């Protein structure tokens, strides 16, 4: 695990997530920039660096909040059609837009 700390940012990355074998997957999750520091290109720089750290992986999986698709799309991410999840509180996750109920 690589950790970078400053007074406004804590960033954790996992080069080999436990569910992956070898260099197949890299996962990016919970990347945030404090609102007072947004609009300065920090988020874009963080994501670009994480993608660079993961360049030997076959795919990079991103977990992001609803409404951030445009931001990540500009950085080369595409929407996945096959992702599924089990949440501790699925009703709340559905209500917030993180999950969709099964038909």
C-alpha atoms as a PDB file:
ATOM      1  CA  UNK A   1       0.000   0.000   0.000  1.00  0.00           C
ATOM      2  CA  UNK A   2       1.277   3.456  -0.890  1.00  0.00           C
ATOM      3  CA  UNK A   3       0.155   6.345   1.278  1.00  0.00           C
ATOM      4  CA  UNK A   4       0.597  10.061   0.635  1.00  0.00           C
ATOM      5  CA  UNK A   5      -0.458  12.441   3.370  1.00  0.00           C
ATOM      6  CA  UNK A   6      -0.771  16.184   3.500  1.00  0.00           C
ATOM      7  CA  UNK A   7      -2.934  18.488   5.541  1.00  0.00           C
ATOM      8  CA  UNK A   8      -5.692  18.355   2.933  1.00  0.00           C
ATOM      9  CA  UNK A   9      -5.346  14.950   1.288  1.00  0.00           C
ATOM     10  CA  UNK A  10      -4.963  11.315   2.233  1.00  0.00           C
ATOM     11  CA  UNK A  11      -4.573   8.924  -0.680  1.00  0.00           C
ATOM     12  CA  UNK A  12      -4.373   5.146  -0.418  1.00  0.00           C
ATOM     13  CA  UNK A  13      -3.732   2.910  -3.398  1.00  0.00           C
ATOM     14  CA  UNK A  14      -3.548  -0.839  -3.652  1.00  0.00           C
ATOM     15  CA  UNK A  15      -1.306  -2.166  -6.416  1.00  0.00           C
ATOM     16  CA  UNK A  16      -2.589  -5.730  -6.009  1.00  0.00           C
ATOM     17  CA  UNK A  17      -6.090  -5.916  -4.566  1.00  0.00           C
ATOM     18  CA  UNK A  18      -6.587  -9.217  -2.650  1.00  0.00           C
ATOM     19  CA  UNK A  19      -9.282 -10.442  -5.066  1.00  0.00           C
ATOM     20  CA  UNK A  20      -6.925 -10.176  -8.054  1.00  0.00           C
ATOM     21  CA  UNK A  21      -4.215 -12.554  -9.150  1.00  0.00           C
ATOM     22  CA  UNK A  22      -1.038 -11.176 -10.660  1.00  0.00           C
ATOM     23  CA  UNK A  23      -1.326  -8.062 -12.782  1.00  0.00           C
ATOM     24  CA  UNK A  24      -4.903  -8.535 -13.989  1.00  0.00           C
ATOM     25  CA  UNK A  25      -6.729  -5.752 -12.094  1.00  0.00           C
ATOM     26  CA  UNK A  26      -6.075  -2.462 -10.401  1.00  0.00           C
ATOM     27  CA  UNK A  27      -8.819  -0.778  -8.367  1.00  0.00           C
ATOM     28  CA  UNK A  28      -9.304   2.925  -7.708  1.00  0.00           C
ATOM     29  CA  UNK A  29     -11.825   3.939  -5.065  1.00  0.00           C
ATOM     30  CA  UNK A  30     -12.692   6.769  -2.701  1.00  0.00           C
ATOM     31  CA  UNK A  31     -10.573   9.449  -4.340  1.00  0.00           C
ATOM     32  CA  UNK A  32     -11.615  12.864  -3.080  1.00  0.00           C
ATOM     33  CA  UNK A  33     -10.292  16.395  -3.061  1.00  0.00           C
ATOM     34  CA  UNK A  34     -11.406  18.734  -0.285  1.00  0.00           C
ATOM     35  CA  UNK A  35     -13.935  21.253  -1.654  1.00  0.00           C
ATOM     36  CA  UNK A  36     -11.617  24.179  -0.832  1.00  0.00           C
ATOM     37  CA  UNK A  37      -9.027  22.708  -3.190  1.00  0.00           C
ATOM     38  CA  UNK A  38     -11.269  21.587  -6.051  1.00  0.00           C
ATOM     39  CA  UNK A  39     -11.005  23.194  -9.472  1.00  0.00           C
ATOM     40  CA  UNK A  40      -7.196  23.310  -9.374  1.00  0.00           C
ATOM     41  CA  UNK A  41      -6.559  20.093 -11.298  1.00  0.00           C
ATOM     42  CA  UNK A  42      -5.638  18.062  -8.203  1.00  0.00           C
ATOM     43  CA  UNK A  43      -8.235  15.332  -8.778  1.00  0.00           C
ATOM     44  CA  UNK A  44      -7.210  14.998 -12.404  1.00  0.00           C
ATOM     45  CA  UNK A  45      -3.539  14.772 -11.393  1.00  0.00           C
ATOM     46  CA  UNK A  46      -4.286  12.146  -8.729  1.00  0.00           C
ATOM     47  CA  UNK A  47      -6.263   9.954 -11.145  1.00  0.00           C
ATOM     48  CA  UNK A  48      -3.632  10.290 -13.868  1.00  0.00           C
ATOM     49  CA  UNK A  49      -0.932   9.223 -11.395  1.00  0.00           C
ATOM     50  CA  UNK A  50      -3.001   6.255 -10.180  1.00  0.00           C
ATOM     51  CA  UNK A  51      -3.563   5.182 -13.786  1.00  0.00           C
ATOM     52  CA  UNK A  52       0.189   5.495 -14.414  1.00  0.00           C
ATOM     53  CA  UNK A  53       0.900   3.350 -11.312  1.00  0.00           C
ATOM     54  CA  UNK A  54      -1.451   0.726 -12.779  1.00  0.00           C
ATOM     55  CA  UNK A  55      -0.116   0.705 -16.338  1.00  0.00           C
ATOM     56  CA  UNK A  56       0.946  -2.950 -16.207  1.00  0.00           C
ATOM     57  CA  UNK A  57      -2.528  -4.156 -15.238  1.00  0.00           C
ATOM     58  CA  UNK A  58      -4.910  -5.471 -17.910  1.00  0.00           C
ATOM     59  CA  UNK A  59      -7.737  -3.327 -16.566  1.00  0.00           C
ATOM     60  CA  UNK A  60      -8.385  -0.592 -14.028  1.00  0.00           C
ATOM     61  CA  UNK A  61     -11.681  -0.733 -12.147  1.00  0.00           C
ATOM     62  CA  UNK A  62     -12.963   2.589 -10.794  1.00  0.00           C
ATOM     63  CA  UNK A  63     -15.531   2.976  -8.038  1.00  0.00           C
ATOM     64  CA  UNK A  64     -16.974   6.476  -8.275  1.00  0.00           C
ATOM     65  CA  UNK A  65     -19.986   8.409  -7.034  1.00  0.00           C
ATOM     66  CA  UNK A  66     -23.001   8.970  -9.281  1.00  0.00           C
ATOM     67  CA  UNK A  67     -22.676  12.225 -11.187  1.00  0.00           C
ATOM     68  CA  UNK A  68     -18.904  11.949 -11.648  1.00  0.00           C
ATOM     69  CA  UNK A  69     -19.084  10.005 -14.918  1.00  0.00           C
ATOM     70  CA  UNK A  70     -18.261  13.065 -17.026  1.00  0.00           C
ATOM     71  CA  UNK A  71     -15.129  13.817 -15.025  1.00  0.00           C
ATOM     72  CA  UNK A  72     -13.840  10.251 -15.265  1.00  0.00           C
ATOM     73  CA  UNK A  73     -14.948   9.875 -18.888  1.00  0.00           C
ATOM     74  CA  UNK A  74     -12.649  12.753 -19.842  1.00  0.00           C
ATOM     75  CA  UNK A  75      -9.812  10.764 -18.262  1.00  0.00           C
ATOM     76  CA  UNK A  76     -10.493   7.708 -20.424  1.00  0.00           C
ATOM     77  CA  UNK A  77     -12.808   5.625 -18.215  1.00  0.00           C
ATOM     78  CA  UNK A  78     -15.787   3.855 -19.797  1.00  0.00           C
ATOM     79  CA  UNK A  79     -18.950   2.609 -18.078  1.00  0.00           C
ATOM     80  CA  UNK A  80     -18.924  -1.110 -17.243  1.00  0.00           C
ATOM     81  CA  UNK A  81     -21.946  -3.238 -18.106  1.00  0.00           C
ATOM     82  CA  UNK A  82     -21.128  -6.178 -15.858  1.00  0.00           C
ATOM     83  CA  UNK A  83     -20.357  -4.789 -12.395  1.00  0.00           C
ATOM     84  CA  UNK A  84     -22.435  -6.005  -9.451  1.00  0.00           C
ATOM     85  CA  UNK A  85     -22.100  -5.498  -5.700  1.00  0.00           C
ATOM     86  CA  UNK A  86     -23.346  -6.620  -2.314  1.00  0.00           C
ATOM     87  CA  UNK A  87     -23.877  -3.679   0.041  1.00  0.00           C
ATOM     88  CA  UNK A  88     -24.308  -3.702   3.814  1.00  0.00           C
ATOM     89  CA  UNK A  89     -27.358  -1.414   3.440  1.00  0.00           C
ATOM     90  CA  UNK A  90     -28.629  -2.014  -0.114  1.00  0.00           C
ATOM     91  CA  UNK A  91     -31.787   0.090   0.306  1.00  0.00           C
ATOM     92  CA  UNK A  92     -29.712   3.149   1.181  1.00  0.00           C
ATOM     93  CA  UNK A  93     -27.283   2.462  -1.677  1.00  0.00           C
ATOM     94  CA  UNK A  94     -30.197   2.167  -4.126  1.00  0.00           C
ATOM     95  CA  UNK A  95     -31.746   5.377  -2.788  1.00  0.00           C
ATOM     96  CA  UNK A  96     -28.467   7.266  -3.198  1.00  0.00           C
ATOM     97  CA  UNK A  97     -27.961   5.998  -6.761  1.00  0.00           C
ATOM     98  CA  UNK A  98     -24.973   3.753  -6.036  1.00  0.00           C
ATOM     99  CA  UNK A  99     -26.884   0.562  -6.856  1.00  0.00           C
ATOM    100  CA  UNK A 100     -29.800  -0.365  -9.089  1.00  0.00           C
ATOM    101  CA  UNK A 101     -32.397  -2.853  -7.909  1.00  0.00           C
ATOM    102  CA  UNK A 102     -32.578  -6.131  -9.826  1.00  0.00           C
ATOM    103  CA  UNK A 103     -35.695  -6.419 -12.020  1.00  0.00           C
END
